[in-house]
Amino acid sequence: MRVIHNNSNEPPGRSAPRVETRRRAGIYLLPNLFTTGALFAGFYGIVAAINTRFEAAAIAIVVAMVLDGMDGRIARMTNTQSDFGAQYDSLSDMVSFGLAPALVIYEWALFDLGKLGWLAAFVYTAAAALRLARFNTQVGIADKRYFQGLPSPAAAAIVASLVWVGAHFELRGSFVLALAGACATVLAALLMVSNVRYYSFKDFDLRGRVPFVAVLAVVMVFVLVSIEPATILLVLFGGYALSGIADTWWQRRRRRAERREAKAAGSGDG
């Protein structure tokens, strides 16, 4: 803080000194540590895939997804949100969930498809960039309870868990497998840029009380994941991707039924 005194010839007491305040420059450490961890995990996944360590690469992307889910909640819980953190998180997501999954699945299977393979990987990367750009422009406007399009961490989890399952069961070198991987990659890309809505879980209160059955359900999820993590994660995130499609279809069907009922009621009144 600096105090700037009045240098005019007016008598003392006629004017008060002006106080100029400066905001301290810096960033919040705690949430950005988690964002940095997610960025490191995504980058490590790329390096591991280049070295043909595909299982480690897939696990690294899943770790990045977990850390990415924690940084935002920690920032909200500790009241340390900032514009810098939001931009840093978006750039980290582009590396961890846009570039890393595309390169990992390309090195694992899409390489066998030649040009078609790297084009499928590029489509995924471009879709992730478009998805993040659309999300950034809709902050404060869109309904926070839902995402428009499949979130990039969930899309990355689908691709990574697919690679993880293939690496775990030593499935590689098949043209059919490569083609299936390309289809899954492009499908995940299309869902990211679609208008399908997905539940965001942002209104889930971690500090509130929950029934005992909910705690038991969480324990069972951990048990199932620990038994066969690759397969269970693929099923979970594949189910999440399908849930958005089913919910959007149901909402559209209900709106059409309501419009038909309103039209019928209007015709009856006439």
Protein backbone atom coordinates (compact mmCIF):
# COMPACT_ATOMS: atom_id res chain seq x y z
CA MET A 1 0.00 0.00 0.00
CA ARG A 2 1.27 3.48 -0.86
CA VAL A 3 0.06 6.76 0.66
CA ILE A 4 0.21 9.70 -1.73
CA HIS A 5 0.11 13.07 0.06
CA ASN A 6 -1.38 16.21 -1.39
CA ASN A 7 1.43 18.58 -2.50
CA SER A 8 -0.84 21.61 -3.10
CA ASN A 9 -0.62 24.85 -1.11
CA GLU A 10 -3.89 24.19 0.68
CA PRO A 11 -3.75 24.25 4.47
CA PRO A 12 -3.42 20.93 6.25
CA GLY A 13 -6.70 19.22 6.96
CA ARG A 14 -8.45 20.54 3.85
CA SER A 15 -7.86 17.33 1.87
CA ALA A 16 -7.15 13.79 3.02
CA PRO A 17 -4.24 11.82 1.60
CA ARG A 18 -5.11 9.51 -1.26
CA VAL A 19 -4.55 5.83 -0.64
CA GLU A 20 -3.50 3.66 -3.55
CA THR A 21 -3.74 -0.09 -3.13
CA ARG A 22 -2.08 -2.75 -5.20
CA ARG A 23 -3.32 -6.30 -5.52
CA ARG A 24 -0.75 -8.92 -4.72
CA ALA A 25 0.35 -10.79 -7.83
CA GLY A 26 0.28 -14.56 -7.61
CA ILE A 27 -1.79 -17.69 -8.10
CA TYR A 28 -3.53 -20.08 -5.77
CA LEU A 29 -1.24 -23.01 -5.12
CA LEU A 30 -3.50 -25.86 -3.99
CA PRO A 31 -5.90 -26.28 -6.95
CA ASN A 32 -3.17 -25.58 -9.49
CA LEU A 33 -1.05 -28.34 -7.97
CA PHE A 34 -3.75 -30.82 -8.92
CA THR A 35 -4.01 -29.29 -12.39
CA THR A 36 -0.24 -29.64 -12.80
CA GLY A 37 -0.48 -33.24 -11.66
CA ALA A 38 -3.14 -33.92 -14.29
CA LEU A 39 -0.97 -32.28 -16.95
CA PHE A 40 2.04 -34.35 -15.88
CA ALA A 41 0.00 -37.57 -15.98
CA GLY A 42 -1.26 -36.80 -19.49
CA PHE A 43 2.25 -36.03 -20.72
CA TYR A 44 3.59 -39.18 -19.10
CA GLY A 45 0.89 -41.16 -20.90
CA ILE A 46 2.23 -39.89 -24.24
CA VAL A 47 5.81 -40.82 -23.32
CA ALA A 48 4.74 -44.27 -22.10
CA ALA A 49 2.84 -44.94 -25.34
CA ILE A 50 5.85 -43.96 -27.44
CA ASN A 51 7.84 -46.53 -25.45
CA THR A 52 5.08 -49.15 -26.10
CA ARG A 53 4.07 -49.23 -22.42
CA PHE A 54 0.37 -48.99 -23.25
CA GLU A 55 -1.03 -50.18 -19.94
CA ALA A 56 0.96 -47.53 -18.06
CA ALA A 57 -0.12 -44.93 -20.62
CA ALA A 58 -3.80 -45.77 -20.15
CA ILE A 59 -3.48 -45.71 -16.35
CA ALA A 60 -1.79 -42.31 -16.56
CA ILE A 61 -4.75 -40.87 -18.46
CA VAL A 62 -7.16 -42.27 -15.86
CA VAL A 63 -5.04 -40.69 -13.11
CA ALA A 64 -5.18 -37.37 -14.98
CA MET A 65 -8.96 -37.66 -15.08
CA VAL A 66 -9.12 -38.19 -11.31
CA LEU A 67 -6.84 -35.22 -10.60
CA ASP A 68 -8.78 -33.03 -13.03
CA GLY A 69 -12.00 -33.86 -11.22
CA MET A 70 -10.44 -32.88 -7.90
CA ASP A 71 -8.93 -29.50 -8.77
CA GLY A 72 -12.23 -27.80 -9.53
CA ARG A 73 -13.95 -29.14 -6.43
CA ILE A 74 -11.03 -28.15 -4.22
CA ALA A 75 -11.03 -24.65 -5.70
CA ARG A 76 -14.76 -24.29 -4.96
CA MET A 77 -14.48 -25.76 -1.47
CA THR A 78 -11.54 -23.52 -0.53
CA ASN A 79 -12.87 -20.47 -2.41
CA THR A 80 -9.72 -20.28 -4.54
CA GLN A 81 -11.30 -20.01 -8.00
CA SER A 82 -9.51 -17.71 -10.42
CA ASP A 83 -9.43 -16.87 -14.12
CA PHE A 84 -5.85 -18.12 -14.24
CA GLY A 85 -6.89 -21.47 -12.79
CA ALA A 86 -9.73 -21.82 -15.30
CA GLN A 87 -7.44 -21.13 -18.27
CA TYR A 88 -4.69 -23.37 -16.92
CA ASP A 89 -7.19 -26.19 -16.37
CA SER A 90 -8.46 -25.84 -19.95
CA LEU A 91 -4.94 -26.06 -21.40
CA SER A 92 -4.16 -29.03 -19.18
CA ASP A 93 -7.35 -30.75 -20.37
CA MET A 94 -6.32 -30.26 -23.98
CA VAL A 95 -3.07 -32.11 -23.39
CA SER A 96 -4.36 -34.81 -21.04
CA PHE A 97 -7.75 -35.50 -22.64
CA GLY A 98 -7.33 -34.24 -26.19
CA LEU A 99 -3.81 -35.04 -27.31
CA ALA A 100 -2.75 -37.88 -25.01
CA PRO A 101 -5.66 -40.30 -25.69
CA ALA A 102 -5.39 -39.77 -29.44
CA LEU A 103 -1.65 -40.51 -29.47
CA VAL A 104 -1.98 -43.46 -27.11
CA ILE A 105 -4.64 -45.25 -29.16
CA TYR A 106 -2.81 -44.35 -32.38
CA GLU A 107 0.38 -45.98 -31.13
CA TRP A 108 -1.57 -48.98 -29.83
CA ALA A 109 -3.87 -49.80 -32.76
CA LEU A 110 -4.59 -47.02 -35.24
CA PHE A 111 -1.06 -47.09 -36.62
CA ASP A 112 -1.96 -50.27 -38.51
CA LEU A 113 -4.63 -48.38 -40.48
CA GLY A 114 -2.17 -45.97 -42.07
CA LYS A 115 -3.64 -42.61 -43.07
CA LEU A 116 -7.10 -43.60 -41.84
CA GLY A 117 -5.65 -44.24 -38.40
CA TRP A 118 -3.96 -40.90 -37.87
CA LEU A 119 -6.95 -39.09 -39.36
CA ALA A 120 -9.20 -40.77 -36.78
CA ALA A 121 -6.79 -39.68 -34.04
CA PHE A 122 -6.79 -36.12 -35.39
CA VAL A 123 -10.60 -36.02 -35.48
CA TYR A 124 -10.60 -36.91 -31.78
CA THR A 125 -8.03 -34.22 -30.95
CA ALA A 126 -9.89 -31.55 -32.93
CA ALA A 127 -13.20 -32.53 -31.33
CA ALA A 128 -11.67 -32.24 -27.86
CA ALA A 129 -10.39 -28.74 -28.71
CA LEU A 130 -13.82 -27.70 -30.01
CA ARG A 131 -15.50 -29.21 -26.96
CA LEU A 132 -13.26 -27.26 -24.58
CA ALA A 133 -13.68 -24.02 -26.54
CA ARG A 134 -17.47 -24.38 -26.47
CA PHE A 135 -17.41 -25.13 -22.75
CA ASN A 136 -15.29 -22.02 -22.03
CA THR A 137 -17.69 -19.77 -23.94
CA GLN A 138 -20.72 -21.16 -22.07
CA VAL A 139 -19.39 -20.67 -18.54
CA GLY A 140 -22.01 -18.80 -16.52
CA ILE A 141 -24.68 -19.33 -19.19
CA ALA A 142 -25.33 -23.06 -19.46
CA ASP A 143 -27.08 -25.16 -16.82
CA LYS A 144 -24.34 -26.36 -14.46
CA ARG A 145 -26.19 -29.60 -13.78
CA TYR A 146 -25.57 -30.82 -17.31
CA PHE A 147 -22.80 -30.83 -19.90
CA GLN A 148 -23.51 -30.19 -23.57
CA GLY A 149 -21.72 -33.02 -25.27
CA LEU A 150 -19.64 -35.78 -23.72
CA PRO A 151 -17.04 -34.25 -21.37
CA SER A 152 -13.49 -34.62 -22.65
CA PRO A 153 -12.29 -36.47 -19.49
CA ALA A 154 -15.04 -39.08 -19.97
CA ALA A 155 -14.19 -39.45 -23.67
CA ALA A 156 -10.52 -39.84 -22.74
CA ALA A 157 -11.45 -42.45 -20.13
CA ILE A 158 -13.33 -44.48 -22.77
CA VAL A 159 -10.35 -44.44 -25.14
CA ALA A 160 -7.83 -45.10 -22.36
CA SER A 161 -9.80 -47.95 -20.81
CA LEU A 162 -10.19 -49.52 -24.27
CA VAL A 163 -6.41 -49.45 -24.67
CA TRP A 164 -6.02 -50.73 -21.11
CA VAL A 165 -8.29 -53.71 -21.77
CA GLY A 166 -6.45 -54.49 -25.00
CA ALA A 167 -3.03 -54.22 -23.35
CA HIS A 168 -4.16 -56.31 -20.36
CA PHE A 169 -5.42 -59.16 -22.55
CA GLU A 170 -2.54 -58.69 -25.03
CA LEU A 171 -4.84 -57.84 -27.92
CA ARG A 172 -2.85 -56.11 -30.63
CA GLY A 173 -1.93 -56.43 -34.27
CA SER A 174 -5.39 -57.27 -35.60
CA PHE A 175 -6.89 -55.22 -38.41
CA VAL A 176 -10.37 -55.76 -37.00
CA LEU A 177 -9.23 -54.52 -33.60
CA ALA A 178 -7.63 -51.45 -35.18
CA LEU A 179 -10.84 -50.73 -37.10
CA ALA A 180 -12.90 -51.10 -33.92
CA GLY A 181 -10.53 -48.73 -32.12
CA ALA A 182 -10.91 -46.17 -34.91
CA CYS A 183 -14.70 -46.41 -34.74
CA ALA A 184 -14.66 -45.98 -30.95
CA THR A 185 -12.32 -43.00 -31.25
CA VAL A 186 -14.45 -41.24 -33.85
CA LEU A 187 -17.65 -42.02 -31.94
CA ALA A 188 -16.20 -40.49 -28.77
CA ALA A 189 -15.17 -37.45 -30.81
CA LEU A 190 -18.66 -37.01 -32.27
CA LEU A 191 -20.26 -37.30 -28.83
CA MET A 192 -17.97 -34.55 -27.51
CA VAL A 193 -19.16 -32.03 -30.10
CA SER A 194 -22.79 -33.20 -30.08
CA ASN A 195 -25.74 -31.57 -28.33
CA VAL A 196 -26.33 -34.66 -26.20
CA ARG A 197 -26.58 -33.62 -22.57
CA TYR A 198 -24.78 -35.41 -19.77
CA TYR A 199 -25.24 -35.11 -16.03
CA SER A 200 -22.32 -33.17 -14.56
CA PHE A 201 -22.52 -34.30 -10.87
CA LYS A 202 -21.57 -30.71 -9.90
CA ASP A 203 -24.57 -30.43 -7.60
CA PHE A 204 -23.44 -33.50 -5.67
CA ASP A 205 -22.70 -32.29 -2.13
CA LEU A 206 -19.68 -34.07 -0.67
CA ARG A 207 -20.13 -32.34 2.70
CA GLY A 208 -23.79 -33.25 3.12
CA ARG A 209 -25.24 -36.29 4.86
CA VAL A 210 -26.08 -39.34 2.78
CA PRO A 211 -27.92 -42.58 3.57
CA PHE A 212 -25.90 -45.55 4.77
CA VAL A 213 -26.77 -47.41 1.56
CA ALA A 214 -24.96 -44.75 -0.46
CA VAL A 215 -21.74 -45.37 1.46
CA LEU A 216 -22.14 -49.11 0.90
CA ALA A 217 -22.63 -48.50 -2.83
CA VAL A 218 -19.39 -46.50 -2.99
CA VAL A 219 -17.55 -49.34 -1.25
CA MET A 220 -18.95 -51.84 -3.76
CA VAL A 221 -17.81 -49.66 -6.66
CA PHE A 222 -14.26 -49.61 -5.29
CA VAL A 223 -14.36 -53.38 -4.84
CA LEU A 224 -15.53 -53.96 -8.42
CA VAL A 225 -12.94 -51.59 -9.86
CA SER A 226 -10.16 -53.26 -7.88
CA ILE A 227 -11.13 -56.73 -9.20
CA GLU A 228 -10.82 -55.86 -12.91
CA PRO A 229 -10.13 -52.12 -13.23
CA ALA A 230 -9.72 -51.94 -17.01
CA THR A 231 -12.94 -53.76 -17.85
CA ILE A 232 -15.02 -52.09 -15.14
CA LEU A 233 -13.88 -48.60 -16.12
CA LEU A 234 -14.68 -49.31 -19.76
CA VAL A 235 -18.16 -50.49 -18.78
CA LEU A 236 -18.74 -47.53 -16.43
CA PHE A 237 -17.70 -44.81 -18.87
CA GLY A 238 -19.28 -46.58 -21.80
CA GLY A 239 -22.50 -46.66 -19.81
CA TYR A 240 -22.10 -42.96 -19.01
CA ALA A 241 -21.76 -42.19 -22.73
CA LEU A 242 -24.89 -44.22 -23.49
CA SER A 243 -26.80 -42.60 -20.61
CA GLY A 244 -26.57 -39.19 -22.24
CA ILE A 245 -27.89 -40.56 -25.53
CA ALA A 246 -30.78 -42.30 -23.75
CA ASP A 247 -31.64 -39.22 -21.67
CA THR A 248 -31.59 -36.91 -24.70
CA TRP A 249 -33.80 -39.32 -26.66
CA TRP A 250 -36.24 -39.55 -23.75
CA GLN A 251 -36.41 -35.77 -23.30
CA ARG A 252 -37.08 -35.23 -27.00
CA ARG A 253 -39.78 -37.90 -27.01
CA ARG A 254 -41.46 -36.33 -23.99
CA ARG A 255 -41.40 -32.86 -25.55
CA ARG A 256 -42.95 -34.21 -28.74
CA ALA A 257 -45.69 -35.90 -26.71
CA GLU A 258 -46.36 -32.65 -24.84
CA ARG A 259 -46.58 -30.71 -28.11
CA ARG A 260 -49.02 -33.26 -29.52
CA GLU A 261 -51.15 -33.05 -26.38
CA ALA A 262 -51.12 -29.25 -26.50
CA LYS A 263 -52.07 -29.29 -30.19
CA ALA A 264 -54.88 -31.77 -29.52
CA ALA A 265 -56.15 -29.67 -26.62
CA GLY A 266 -56.09 -26.56 -28.82
CA SER A 267 -58.02 -28.34 -31.57
CA GLY A 268 -60.58 -29.53 -29.05
CA ASP A 269 -61.13 -26.04 -27.71
CA GLY A 270 -61.70 -24.76 -31.25
